Protein backbone atom coordinates (compact mmCIF):
# COMPACT_ATOMS: atom_id res chain seq x y z
CA MET A 1 97.17 113.51 63.19
CA ALA A 2 96.14 115.84 66.03
CA GLN A 3 95.38 114.24 69.36
CA THR A 4 91.68 114.20 70.22
CA VAL A 5 90.18 114.60 73.67
CA ALA A 6 89.38 110.87 73.61
CA ASP A 7 93.02 110.06 72.84
CA HIS A 8 94.12 112.27 75.70
CA MET A 9 91.63 110.68 78.13
CA LEU A 10 93.08 107.21 77.54
CA GLU A 11 96.62 108.56 77.69
CA ARG A 12 95.87 110.09 81.07
CA LEU A 13 94.37 106.85 82.37
CA ARG A 14 97.55 105.05 81.29
CA GLN A 15 99.62 107.64 83.14
CA TRP A 16 97.61 106.79 86.26
CA ASP A 17 98.48 103.09 85.69
CA VAL A 18 94.89 102.15 84.91
CA GLU A 19 95.11 98.65 83.44
CA TYR A 20 91.46 97.96 82.59
CA VAL A 21 88.32 99.85 81.69
CA PHE A 22 85.18 97.76 82.24
CA GLY A 23 82.41 98.76 79.91
CA TYR A 24 79.95 98.32 77.10
CA PRO A 25 79.92 100.35 73.88
CA GLY A 26 77.24 102.68 72.56
CA ASP A 27 76.92 105.65 70.26
CA GLY A 28 77.26 108.12 73.11
CA ILE A 29 80.90 107.02 73.55
CA ASN A 30 81.79 106.05 69.97
CA ALA A 31 84.67 108.53 69.85
CA ILE A 32 86.14 107.07 73.04
CA MET A 33 85.83 103.55 71.67
CA GLY A 34 87.68 104.65 68.56
CA ALA A 35 90.49 105.95 70.74
CA PHE A 36 90.93 102.49 72.27
CA GLY A 37 91.72 101.21 68.79
CA ARG A 38 94.31 103.93 68.16
CA ALA A 39 95.84 103.28 71.59
CA GLY A 40 96.35 99.59 70.95
CA ASP A 41 93.66 98.79 73.53
CA LYS A 42 95.67 100.30 76.37
CA PRO A 43 94.18 100.46 78.89
CA ARG A 44 92.45 97.19 78.09
CA PHE A 45 88.73 97.44 77.37
CA ILE A 46 86.84 94.59 79.09
CA GLN A 47 83.42 93.99 77.58
CA SER A 48 80.74 92.67 79.93
CA ARG A 49 77.26 91.53 78.97
CA HIS A 50 75.58 94.47 80.74
CA GLU A 51 76.74 97.82 82.10
CA GLU A 52 75.73 96.84 85.64
CA MET A 53 78.23 93.98 85.34
CA SER A 54 80.87 96.43 84.14
CA ALA A 55 80.42 98.44 87.33
CA PHE A 56 80.52 95.31 89.49
CA GLU A 57 83.69 94.13 87.73
CA ALA A 58 85.31 97.49 88.39
CA VAL A 59 84.25 97.17 92.04
CA GLY A 60 85.61 93.62 92.25
CA TYR A 61 88.90 94.70 90.70
CA ALA A 62 89.25 97.58 93.17
CA ARG A 63 88.28 95.43 96.18
CA PHE A 64 91.18 93.06 95.57
CA THR A 65 93.83 95.64 94.65
CA ASP A 66 95.10 98.96 95.94
CA LYS A 67 93.95 100.54 92.68
CA VAL A 68 90.93 102.42 91.44
CA GLY A 69 88.40 100.59 89.26
CA VAL A 70 87.23 102.33 86.07
CA CYS A 71 83.98 101.67 84.21
CA LEU A 72 82.61 103.18 81.01
CA ALA A 73 79.07 103.38 79.62
CA THR A 74 77.16 105.17 76.92
CA SER A 75 74.54 107.87 77.42
CA GLY A 76 71.01 107.32 78.72
CA PRO A 77 70.30 103.66 79.44
CA GLY A 78 73.97 102.71 79.60
CA ALA A 79 74.65 105.29 82.28
CA ILE A 80 71.54 104.24 84.20
CA HIS A 81 72.66 100.62 84.20
CA LEU A 82 75.89 101.51 86.02
CA LEU A 83 74.08 102.80 89.08
CA ASN A 84 73.64 99.60 91.09
CA GLY A 85 77.32 98.72 90.89
CA LEU A 86 78.30 102.29 91.76
CA TYR A 87 75.99 102.31 94.77
CA ASP A 88 77.68 99.08 95.86
CA ALA A 89 81.01 100.92 95.69
CA LYS A 90 79.60 103.87 97.62
CA ALA A 91 78.12 101.72 100.38
CA ASP A 92 81.30 99.68 100.91
CA HIS A 93 83.81 102.52 100.36
CA VAL A 94 85.41 101.20 97.16
CA PRO A 95 87.22 103.62 94.80
CA VAL A 96 85.63 103.54 91.34
CA VAL A 97 85.59 106.10 88.51
CA ALA A 98 82.67 106.05 86.06
CA ILE A 99 82.98 107.71 82.64
CA VAL A 100 79.61 108.10 80.94
CA GLY A 101 78.48 109.51 77.64
CA GLN A 102 75.83 112.16 77.06
CA THR A 103 74.04 113.56 74.01
CA GLU A 104 75.91 116.29 72.10
CA ARG A 105 76.22 119.69 73.75
CA SER A 106 74.06 121.29 71.09
CA ALA A 107 71.18 118.92 71.90
CA VAL A 108 71.28 119.06 75.69
CA GLY A 109 67.97 120.37 77.01
CA GLY A 110 66.13 119.42 73.85
CA SER A 111 64.64 116.12 75.06
CA TYR A 112 66.93 114.43 72.57
CA GLN A 113 67.26 110.67 72.14
CA GLN A 114 68.94 109.06 75.19
CA GLU A 115 69.18 112.44 76.90
CA VAL A 116 68.97 112.02 80.65
CA ASP A 117 69.79 114.61 83.30
CA LEU A 118 72.94 112.75 84.31
CA LEU A 119 74.11 115.36 86.79
CA SER A 120 70.91 114.83 88.76
CA LEU A 121 71.07 111.09 88.25
CA PHE A 122 74.63 110.76 89.56
CA LYS A 123 74.63 113.52 92.18
CA ASP A 124 73.91 111.07 94.99
CA VAL A 125 75.91 107.99 94.02
CA ALA A 126 78.90 110.13 93.00
CA SER A 127 78.30 112.90 95.50
CA ASP A 128 82.01 113.36 96.19
CA PHE A 129 82.73 114.31 92.56
CA VAL A 130 80.55 114.40 89.44
CA GLN A 131 81.27 116.85 86.65
CA VAL A 132 80.37 117.47 82.99
CA ALA A 133 83.09 117.96 80.40
CA SER A 134 82.30 120.92 78.13
CA VAL A 135 85.64 121.89 76.55
CA PRO A 136 88.99 120.17 75.98
CA GLU A 137 90.76 122.42 78.46
CA GLN A 138 88.94 120.73 81.35
CA PHE A 139 91.22 117.77 80.80
CA PRO A 140 93.37 116.37 82.32
CA ASN A 141 91.99 117.94 85.50
CA LEU A 142 88.69 116.02 85.34
CA ILE A 143 90.47 112.67 85.08
CA ASP A 144 93.00 113.55 87.77
CA ARG A 145 90.43 114.79 90.27
CA ALA A 146 88.07 111.88 89.66
CA ILE A 147 90.86 109.42 90.42
CA ARG A 148 92.28 111.35 93.37
CA ILE A 149 88.91 111.88 95.02
CA ALA A 150 87.78 108.29 94.43
CA THR A 151 91.01 107.06 96.01
CA THR A 152 91.08 109.56 98.86
CA ARG A 153 87.41 109.32 99.81
CA ARG A 154 87.16 105.63 98.84
CA ALA A 155 84.02 106.40 96.88
CA PRO A 156 82.68 106.39 93.32
CA THR A 157 83.20 109.49 91.17
CA ALA A 158 81.83 110.28 87.71
CA ILE A 159 82.74 112.24 84.60
CA ILE A 160 79.95 113.00 82.11
CA VAL A 161 81.20 113.51 78.57
CA PRO A 162 78.87 114.82 75.82
CA SER A 163 79.43 112.74 72.70
CA ASP A 164 80.97 115.54 70.61
CA VAL A 165 83.61 116.52 73.20
CA PRO A 166 85.83 113.43 72.74
CA GLU A 167 85.96 114.19 68.99
CA LEU A 168 87.46 117.65 69.55
CA GLU A 169 91.16 118.35 69.12
CA TYR A 170 92.78 118.26 72.52
CA SER A 171 93.99 121.59 73.83
CA PRO A 172 95.57 121.53 77.32
CA PRO A 173 94.77 124.13 79.96
CA GLY A 174 97.15 127.04 79.75
CA HIS A 175 98.82 129.53 82.04
CA ALA A 176 95.68 131.63 81.90
CA PHE A 177 92.80 133.02 83.90
CA LYS A 178 90.04 130.46 84.60
CA GLU A 179 91.98 127.50 83.24
CA VAL A 180 93.02 124.69 85.61
CA PRO A 181 96.25 122.79 84.90
CA SER A 182 96.75 119.50 86.69
CA SER A 183 99.44 117.00 87.64
CA LEU A 184 99.88 113.30 88.24
CA GLY A 185 100.37 111.30 91.40
CA MET A 186 100.02 111.79 95.12
CA THR A 187 101.70 110.60 98.28
CA TRP A 188 99.82 109.49 101.36
CA PRO A 189 100.28 110.77 104.91
CA THR A 190 99.83 108.60 107.96
CA ALA A 191 97.10 109.85 110.28
CA VAL A 192 98.99 109.76 113.57
CA PRO A 193 96.84 109.51 116.74
CA ASP A 194 96.72 112.15 119.43
CA PRO A 195 99.09 111.04 122.27
CA ALA A 196 96.58 112.00 124.95
CA ALA A 197 93.93 109.87 123.25
CA VAL A 198 96.33 106.93 123.06
CA ALA A 199 97.07 107.21 126.78
CA ARG A 200 93.36 107.33 127.58
CA ALA A 201 92.69 104.32 125.36
CA ALA A 202 95.40 102.36 127.17
CA GLU A 203 93.86 103.30 130.51
CA ILE A 204 90.43 102.02 129.44
CA LEU A 205 91.78 98.78 127.97
CA ASN A 206 94.06 98.05 130.90
CA ALA A 207 91.12 98.44 133.28
CA GLY A 208 88.99 95.94 131.35
CA GLU A 209 88.75 92.33 132.48
CA LYS A 210 86.83 90.95 129.50
CA VAL A 211 88.04 92.73 126.37
CA ALA A 212 86.49 92.14 122.95
CA ILE A 213 87.91 93.42 119.66
CA LEU A 214 85.83 94.05 116.54
CA ILE A 215 87.65 94.59 113.25
CA GLY A 216 86.48 95.54 109.77
CA GLN A 217 88.09 96.08 106.39
CA GLY A 218 89.77 99.22 107.76
CA ALA A 219 92.04 96.99 109.86
CA ARG A 220 93.48 95.25 106.80
CA GLY A 221 96.85 96.98 107.08
CA ALA A 222 97.04 96.47 110.83
CA ALA A 223 96.53 92.72 111.22
CA ALA A 224 99.81 92.18 113.07
CA GLN A 225 99.08 94.99 115.51
CA VAL A 226 95.54 93.70 116.17
CA LEU A 227 96.99 90.30 117.06
CA ALA A 228 99.55 91.89 119.36
CA VAL A 229 96.85 93.86 121.19
CA ALA A 230 94.67 90.76 121.51
CA ASP A 231 97.58 88.79 122.93
CA LEU A 232 98.38 91.42 125.56
CA LEU A 233 94.76 91.87 126.62
CA GLY A 234 93.69 88.24 126.38
CA ALA A 235 90.95 89.41 124.04
CA GLY A 236 88.91 87.67 121.43
CA ILE A 237 88.48 89.11 117.92
CA ALA A 238 85.20 89.26 116.01
CA LYS A 239 85.08 90.26 112.35
CA ALA A 240 82.55 92.39 110.50
CA LEU A 241 81.64 90.71 107.22
CA LEU A 242 83.82 92.95 105.04
CA GLY A 243 86.72 92.21 107.38
CA LYS A 244 86.29 88.43 107.29
CA ASP A 245 89.57 87.90 105.43
CA VAL A 246 91.61 90.38 107.50
CA LEU A 247 92.58 87.68 110.01
CA PRO A 248 92.64 83.90 109.50
CA ASP A 249 89.95 81.73 111.06
CA ASP A 250 92.42 79.14 112.30
CA LEU A 251 93.36 81.36 115.25
CA ALA A 252 91.73 79.94 118.37
CA TYR A 253 90.55 83.33 119.66
CA VAL A 254 89.10 84.66 116.38
CA THR A 255 85.36 84.25 116.89
CA GLY A 256 84.42 84.80 113.25
CA SER A 257 81.71 86.93 111.70
CA ILE A 258 79.33 89.07 113.73
CA GLY A 259 75.67 89.93 113.19
CA LEU A 260 72.66 88.12 111.73
CA LEU A 261 75.02 86.09 109.54
CA GLY A 262 77.52 85.73 112.35
CA THR A 263 78.64 83.08 114.79
CA ARG A 264 77.52 82.18 118.29
CA PRO A 265 81.01 82.84 119.79
CA SER A 266 80.95 86.40 118.41
CA TYR A 267 77.46 86.93 119.81
CA GLU A 268 78.40 85.57 123.25
CA MET A 269 81.67 87.52 123.41
CA MET A 270 79.87 90.79 122.72
CA ARG A 271 77.12 89.90 125.19
CA ASP A 272 79.55 89.16 128.02
CA CYS A 273 82.46 91.58 127.48
CA ASP A 274 83.09 94.63 129.66
CA THR A 275 85.32 96.48 127.18
CA LEU A 276 85.11 96.85 123.39
CA LEU A 277 87.80 98.01 120.95
CA THR A 278 86.52 98.60 117.40
CA VAL A 279 89.15 98.99 114.68
CA GLY A 280 88.34 99.98 111.10
CA SER A 281 84.69 98.96 111.17
CA ASN A 282 81.35 100.71 110.79
CA PHE A 283 79.36 97.58 111.64
CA PRO A 284 75.73 98.80 111.63
CA TYR A 285 73.79 96.34 113.79
CA THR A 286 73.87 97.76 117.30
CA GLN A 287 71.88 94.84 118.74
CA PHE A 288 74.89 92.56 118.17
CA LEU A 289 77.23 94.87 120.09
CA PRO A 290 77.42 94.90 123.91
CA GLY A 291 74.48 96.29 125.84
CA LEU A 292 74.58 100.07 125.76
CA ASP A 293 75.36 100.30 129.46
CA THR A 294 77.52 97.19 129.87
CA ALA A 295 80.86 97.99 128.23
CA ARG A 296 83.38 100.78 127.98
CA ALA A 297 84.25 101.22 124.33
CA ILE A 298 86.86 102.73 122.00
CA GLN A 299 86.69 103.19 118.25
CA ILE A 300 89.65 103.72 115.92
CA ASP A 301 88.97 104.77 112.33
CA VAL A 302 90.86 106.80 109.76
CA ASP A 303 87.68 108.56 108.59
CA GLY A 304 86.12 110.94 111.10
CA ALA A 305 82.85 110.89 109.16
CA PHE A 306 82.23 107.30 110.24
CA ILE A 307 83.41 107.38 113.82
CA GLY A 308 81.33 107.51 116.99
CA MET A 309 78.38 105.82 115.29
CA ARG A 310 76.42 102.71 116.27
CA TYR A 311 77.54 102.64 119.93
CA PRO A 312 78.15 105.14 122.76
CA TYR A 313 81.94 104.96 122.48
CA GLU A 314 83.80 106.51 125.38
CA LEU A 315 86.71 107.42 123.10
CA ASN A 316 86.62 108.09 119.34
CA MET A 317 90.13 108.12 117.88
CA VAL A 318 90.59 109.35 114.29
CA ALA A 319 93.84 107.77 113.10
CA ASP A 320 95.39 105.22 110.82
CA ALA A 321 94.74 101.84 112.43
CA SER A 322 98.33 100.59 112.34
CA ALA A 323 99.73 103.91 113.60
CA ALA A 324 97.20 104.04 116.44
CA LEU A 325 97.85 100.47 117.55
CA ASP A 326 101.63 100.89 117.25
CA ALA A 327 101.37 103.83 119.65
CA LEU A 328 98.99 101.94 121.94
CA ILE A 329 100.84 98.63 122.30
CA PRO A 330 103.74 99.91 124.50
CA LEU A 331 101.21 101.29 127.00
CA LEU A 332 99.19 98.09 127.38
CA GLU A 333 99.68 95.80 130.36
CA ARG A 334 99.72 92.06 129.74
CA LYS A 335 96.78 90.45 131.54
CA THR A 336 97.84 87.55 133.72
CA ASP A 337 94.32 86.20 134.18
CA ARG A 338 93.60 84.36 130.92
CA SER A 339 90.25 82.89 131.94
CA TRP A 340 88.35 85.22 129.57
CA ARG A 341 90.53 84.13 126.66
CA ASP A 342 90.13 80.49 127.67
CA THR A 343 86.35 80.89 127.63
CA ILE A 344 86.46 82.44 124.17
CA GLU A 345 88.73 79.73 122.77
CA ALA A 346 86.50 77.00 124.17
CA GLY A 347 83.49 78.64 122.55
CA VAL A 348 85.27 78.93 119.20
CA ALA A 349 86.33 75.27 119.28
CA ASP A 350 82.76 74.26 120.11
CA TRP A 351 81.41 76.38 117.27
CA TRP A 352 83.61 74.90 114.58
CA GLU A 353 82.61 71.40 115.68
CA VAL A 354 78.95 72.45 115.45
CA MET A 355 79.57 73.86 111.97
CA GLU A 356 81.20 70.62 110.86
CA ARG A 357 78.30 68.56 112.16
CA ARG A 358 75.74 70.90 110.58
CA ALA A 359 77.51 70.69 107.23
CA HIS A 360 77.32 66.89 107.33
CA SER A 361 73.76 66.73 108.62
CA ASP A 362 71.44 64.86 106.26
CA ALA A 363 69.44 67.29 104.11
CA PRO A 364 68.73 65.71 100.70
CA PRO A 365 69.76 66.18 98.01
CA VAL A 366 72.73 68.21 99.40
CA ASN A 367 73.03 70.27 102.55
CA PRO A 368 74.18 73.68 101.23
CA GLN A 369 76.60 74.10 104.13
CA ARG A 370 78.56 71.08 102.96
CA LEU A 371 79.43 72.84 99.71
CA PHE A 372 81.28 75.48 101.73
CA ALA A 373 82.72 73.20 104.39
CA GLU A 374 84.23 70.77 101.87
CA LEU A 375 86.21 73.62 100.34
CA ASN A 376 88.00 74.35 103.62
CA ASP A 377 90.10 71.17 103.53
CA ARG A 378 91.23 71.68 99.95
CA SER A 379 91.23 75.46 99.42
CA PRO A 380 94.29 76.83 97.58
CA ASP A 381 96.52 79.08 99.66
CA ASP A 382 96.04 81.93 97.19
CA MET A 383 92.30 81.61 96.57
CA ILE A 384 89.98 84.60 96.28
CA VAL A 385 86.36 84.00 97.27
CA THR A 386 83.39 86.15 96.29
CA GLY A 387 79.98 85.64 97.84
CA ASP A 388 76.63 86.70 96.50
CA SER A 389 73.81 88.09 98.59
CA GLY A 390 71.18 85.68 99.85
CA SER A 391 71.66 82.39 101.63
CA ALA A 392 75.11 82.07 100.03
CA ALA A 393 76.21 84.97 102.23
CA ASN A 394 75.10 83.08 105.36
CA TRP A 395 77.24 80.06 104.60
CA TYR A 396 80.15 82.22 103.38
CA ALA A 397 80.09 84.07 106.71
CA ARG A 398 79.87 80.97 108.91
CA GLN A 399 81.39 78.03 107.07
CA ILE A 400 84.36 79.40 105.12
CA ARG A 401 87.55 79.23 107.21
CA PHE A 402 90.06 81.64 105.72
CA ARG A 403 93.76 80.99 106.15
CA GLU A 404 96.42 83.67 106.05
CA GLY A 405 96.84 85.09 102.53
CA GLN A 406 93.41 84.05 101.29
CA ARG A 407 91.01 86.81 100.28
CA GLY A 408 87.26 87.18 100.15
CA SER A 409 84.52 89.76 99.82
CA LEU A 410 80.87 90.32 99.04
CA SER A 411 78.39 93.17 98.77
CA GLY A 412 78.35 94.15 102.42
CA THR A 413 76.24 97.24 102.97
CA LEU A 414 74.13 97.33 99.80
CA ALA A 415 73.76 93.53 99.85
CA THR A 416 72.83 93.51 96.19
CA MET A 417 72.17 90.36 94.23
CA GLY A 418 74.27 89.38 91.26
CA ASN A 419 77.67 90.62 92.39
CA ALA A 420 79.65 87.40 92.93
CA VAL A 421 80.45 86.40 89.33
CA PRO A 422 81.47 89.90 88.13
CA TYR A 423 83.48 90.40 91.35
CA ALA A 424 85.31 87.17 90.54
CA ILE A 425 85.99 88.38 86.99
CA GLY A 426 87.43 91.62 88.36
CA ALA A 427 89.51 89.61 90.83
CA LYS A 428 90.88 87.38 88.05
CA LEU A 429 91.88 90.37 85.96
CA ALA A 430 93.64 91.83 88.99
CA HIS A 431 95.27 88.50 89.90
CA PRO A 432 95.28 86.20 86.86
CA ASP A 433 97.59 83.76 88.67
CA ARG A 434 95.17 83.11 91.57
CA VAL A 435 92.12 80.86 91.85
CA ALA A 436 88.80 82.73 92.10
CA ILE A 437 85.70 81.07 93.54
CA ALA A 438 82.23 82.63 93.35
CA PHE A 439 79.41 81.30 95.55
CA GLU A 440 76.15 82.13 93.82
CA GLY A 441 72.51 81.52 94.65
CA ASP A 442 70.38 80.29 91.77
CA GLY A 443 68.33 83.50 91.90
CA ALA A 444 71.44 85.60 91.29
CA MET A 445 72.62 83.09 88.70
CA GLN A 446 69.40 83.52 86.74
CA MET A 447 69.46 87.28 87.24
CA ASN A 448 72.82 87.85 85.56
CA GLY A 449 75.36 85.15 86.43
CA MET A 450 74.56 82.89 83.49
CA ALA A 451 75.06 85.68 80.97
CA GLU A 452 78.30 86.75 82.60
CA LEU A 453 79.70 83.23 82.14
CA LEU A 454 80.10 84.34 78.53
CA THR A 455 82.48 87.04 79.74
CA VAL A 456 84.40 84.39 81.67
CA LYS A 457 84.64 82.28 78.53
CA ARG A 458 85.86 85.23 76.49
CA TYR A 459 88.80 86.12 78.73
CA TYR A 460 89.90 83.01 80.64
CA HIS A 461 92.39 81.95 77.96
CA GLU A 462 94.46 85.01 78.87
CA TRP A 463 94.78 84.13 82.57
CA SER A 464 97.95 82.38 83.69
CA ASP A 465 95.73 80.30 85.99
CA PRO A 466 92.47 79.65 84.12
CA ARG A 467 90.50 78.48 87.17
CA LEU A 468 87.41 80.48 88.07
CA ILE A 469 84.85 78.32 89.84
CA VAL A 470 81.19 79.32 90.11
CA ALA A 471 79.44 77.23 92.76
CA VAL A 472 75.66 77.52 92.36
CA LEU A 473 73.29 76.74 95.24
CA HIS A 474 70.57 75.18 93.10
CA ASN A 475 67.38 75.00 95.21
CA ASN A 476 64.84 76.74 92.95
CA ASP A 477 64.01 79.16 95.75
CA LEU A 478 64.87 82.76 96.60
CA ASN A 479 65.91 81.24 99.87
CA GLN A 480 67.11 84.16 102.00
CA VAL A 481 63.95 86.17 101.42
CA THR A 482 61.82 83.07 101.99
CA TRP A 483 63.39 82.67 105.42
CA GLU A 484 63.12 86.39 106.14
CA MET A 485 59.40 86.26 105.35
CA ARG A 486 59.03 83.39 107.80
CA GLY A 487 61.19 84.80 110.59
CA MET A 488 60.49 88.53 110.35
CA GLU A 489 56.92 88.66 109.11
CA GLY A 490 55.49 85.30 110.17
CA ASP A 491 54.34 84.67 106.61
CA PRO A 492 54.53 81.29 104.87
CA LYS A 493 56.48 80.93 101.66
CA LEU A 494 54.75 82.71 98.78
CA VAL A 495 55.33 80.34 95.88
CA GLU A 496 54.52 82.94 93.23
CA SER A 497 57.35 85.22 94.36
CA GLN A 498 59.86 82.76 95.81
CA SER A 499 60.00 79.75 93.49
CA LEU A 500 62.35 79.82 90.52
CA PRO A 501 62.07 78.10 87.14
CA GLU A 502 64.16 74.97 86.80
CA VAL A 503 67.25 75.17 84.59
CA SER A 504 70.51 73.22 84.40
CA TYR A 505 73.36 75.63 85.08
CA ALA A 506 75.81 72.86 84.28
CA ASP A 507 74.26 72.29 80.85
CA PHE A 508 74.46 76.01 80.11
CA ALA A 509 78.13 76.13 81.13
CA ALA A 510 78.98 73.01 79.15
CA GLY A 511 77.16 74.44 76.15
CA ILE A 512 79.55 77.40 76.00
CA GLY A 513 82.65 75.27 76.52
CA LEU A 514 83.27 75.59 80.24
CA ASN A 515 83.85 72.71 82.62
CA ALA A 516 80.57 71.69 84.26
CA ILE A 517 79.72 69.35 87.13
CA THR A 518 76.26 68.52 88.48
CA VAL A 519 76.14 67.42 92.12
CA THR A 520 73.10 65.68 93.60
CA ASP A 521 74.83 63.49 96.21
CA PRO A 522 76.47 64.91 99.35
CA ASP A 523 79.37 62.47 99.07
CA ALA A 524 80.09 63.85 95.60
CA VAL A 525 80.70 67.41 96.85
CA GLY A 526 84.35 66.86 97.84
CA PRO A 527 85.26 65.06 94.59
CA ALA A 528 83.51 67.83 92.63
CA TRP A 529 85.74 70.43 94.30
CA ASP A 530 88.79 68.28 93.53
CA ALA A 531 87.81 68.09 89.87
CA ALA A 532 87.09 71.81 89.62
CA LEU A 533 90.40 72.71 91.27
CA ALA A 534 92.25 70.37 88.87
CA ALA A 535 90.50 71.68 85.74
CA ASP A 536 92.23 73.54 82.92
CA ARG A 537 89.37 75.98 82.50
CA PRO A 538 86.61 77.70 84.50
CA THR A 539 84.06 75.41 86.13
CA VAL A 540 80.41 75.65 87.12
CA LEU A 541 79.42 73.45 90.07
CA ASP A 542 75.65 72.97 89.79
CA VAL A 543 74.89 71.77 93.32
CA HIS A 544 71.30 70.70 93.99
CA CYS A 545 70.72 71.94 97.55
CA ASN A 546 68.03 71.53 100.15
CA ALA A 547 66.06 74.78 100.51
CA ASP A 548 64.76 73.89 103.97
CA VAL A 549 68.07 74.23 105.85
CA PRO A 550 67.49 77.28 108.10
CA PRO A 551 70.10 80.06 108.26
CA ILE A 552 69.83 80.12 112.05
CA PRO A 553 71.04 83.44 113.51
CA PRO A 554 73.49 83.31 116.43
CA HIS A 555 70.63 84.17 118.78
CA ALA A 556 67.06 83.77 117.61
CA THR A 557 64.68 86.13 119.38
CA LEU A 558 61.37 84.97 120.80
CA GLU A 559 59.58 87.02 118.15
CA GLN A 560 61.56 85.37 115.33
CA ILE A 561 60.78 81.91 116.71
CA ARG A 562 57.10 82.79 117.09
CA ASN A 563 56.94 84.23 113.56
CA SER A 564 58.69 81.22 112.02
CA ALA A 565 56.35 78.83 113.79
CA ALA A 566 53.33 80.82 112.62
CA ALA A 567 54.60 80.75 109.06
CA ILE A 568 55.42 77.05 109.09
CA PHE A 569 52.05 76.04 110.49
CA GLY A 570 50.21 78.63 108.43
CA GLY A 571 50.27 76.80 105.13
CA ASP A 572 53.95 76.87 104.12
CA GLU A 573 54.41 74.28 101.38
CA ASP A 574 57.82 73.31 102.80
CA ALA A 575 56.62 72.94 106.41
CA VAL A 576 57.58 69.27 106.83
CA GLY A 577 61.06 69.75 105.43
CA VAL A 578 61.63 72.94 107.43
CA ILE A 579 60.67 71.27 110.71
CA LYS A 580 62.80 68.21 109.99
CA THR A 581 65.96 70.09 108.99
CA GLY A 582 65.49 72.77 111.66
CA ILE A 583 65.43 70.16 114.41
CA LYS A 584 68.54 68.50 113.01
CA GLU A 585 70.37 71.83 112.87
CA LYS A 586 69.61 72.70 116.49
CA LEU A 587 70.51 69.20 117.71
CA GLN A 588 74.05 69.69 116.41
CA GLU A 589 74.59 72.31 119.13
CA LEU A 590 73.78 69.77 121.86
CA VAL A 591 76.33 67.12 120.87
CA PRO A 592 79.30 67.10 123.29
CA ARG A 593 82.66 68.33 121.98
CA LYS A 594 84.98 65.64 120.64
CA SER A 595 87.81 67.05 122.70
CA ARG A 596 85.90 66.79 125.98
């Protein structure tokens, strides 16, 4: 039987070592679905409960591998549903290829059923590459370019395929005018820094007395070099949220996350430093960087499109992070005065003691911070953590203490809800032998997490390690927005928008055959983690949390304090609980260090 375009598309994906296609079927891609059957389901088709989840799973898979994620959806509504996950990939620079169906070529422009102007729809989210397939001879070039551009630009790309094209007999491009043959594979160059720029960077850093380093996900391949630079300069290292797992948190001079969800040591280091070195980060919140006239600054990034932003850097160096730091290290002078480093380490030690006390502060039924803190003492060496947006992201940023080899991520720039469970599914498919843990607010759980537990149930039997743990912060409140309304707007909690309907997430999980544990006692949190980590199947931890525990920023402004007070005393239904827990949280900062 002649090979169809659909057969060829899957063959080409296999040749690019694509293992999984995350998707949902529909009549706009029926011919492609039929090709999966003829191909023995290679690459493997992973069926989610919703196309948005397919995109998130592709993003999660790509985040935790060096590979491109691929998602597939039908025409019209299916293609539309992919957008949120693809925008997440675009915002956080994750390589994803979307293949979407379209009505038949003969019907395009006729306001046909499920016809949407997909080129217009995708031209922003897939701005680096979005094309329509019209004839068989456009393949394999469309597949090859979509993958190459997604990988090179670290961005989503899209191929739009009218439903009759995959049914056509495949005819490759020839040695002919206006036909475009293609080829597989690519090798990567190393972006070597300009020697003069390296010398100037060394001069700036050697002159600094209080050096701070900020790293992001772009420093992932240069962790050893970052540590070497920090050692020579006596510097502390802060981490943008997407770079939280680049360096372990058990290093005494790693100050942790930076920003609204960040730590006090990171805030104080940036406030007091006289020199800043930023490596592989496009951290957007300028107010958490040094004062604009207080520090000399250098940025190193492999992408010139994202360099020189956010801060008046004295030197912008476009280069691979590891290559740049390798060239820089021999020119750096070891600082003999270690008082700056000593100050940073003392602040970090103080902070972790504060975090421990906050996690164990009484906040019935369970202080949400304790859920995160209790994991630190028992976390598997190979765990992968995904965090959802909302208050879960606060505690992920501040309470989780990554060790070397552990991984974690969340929706950083888009900060979309509902990403943690599908990210964890993508992570498990990428690493079926590792434990995946998703921290999920109950708003996100109701939005899509509960449904996606069915996807977990469907595939966990195939994983060599069946453990995927979904820890739900059950407080019946859209907690992050509630606190933002108080702190930013001075408005009391609006019950109609913020309160959630009560549901047992544990009962739902148990009803579909997953392990389920309900936690209503703080002393039961540790044993619940032990049970989940010892289970022979995925687990839902339904943890009933106190909604009044404030996600205190590293430095609350006078305006934020004034707004929160106005909200609390302006008719907020949780005013008593907020005042009580807020006082307890702040008191933890005043307790003397154990080591003093």
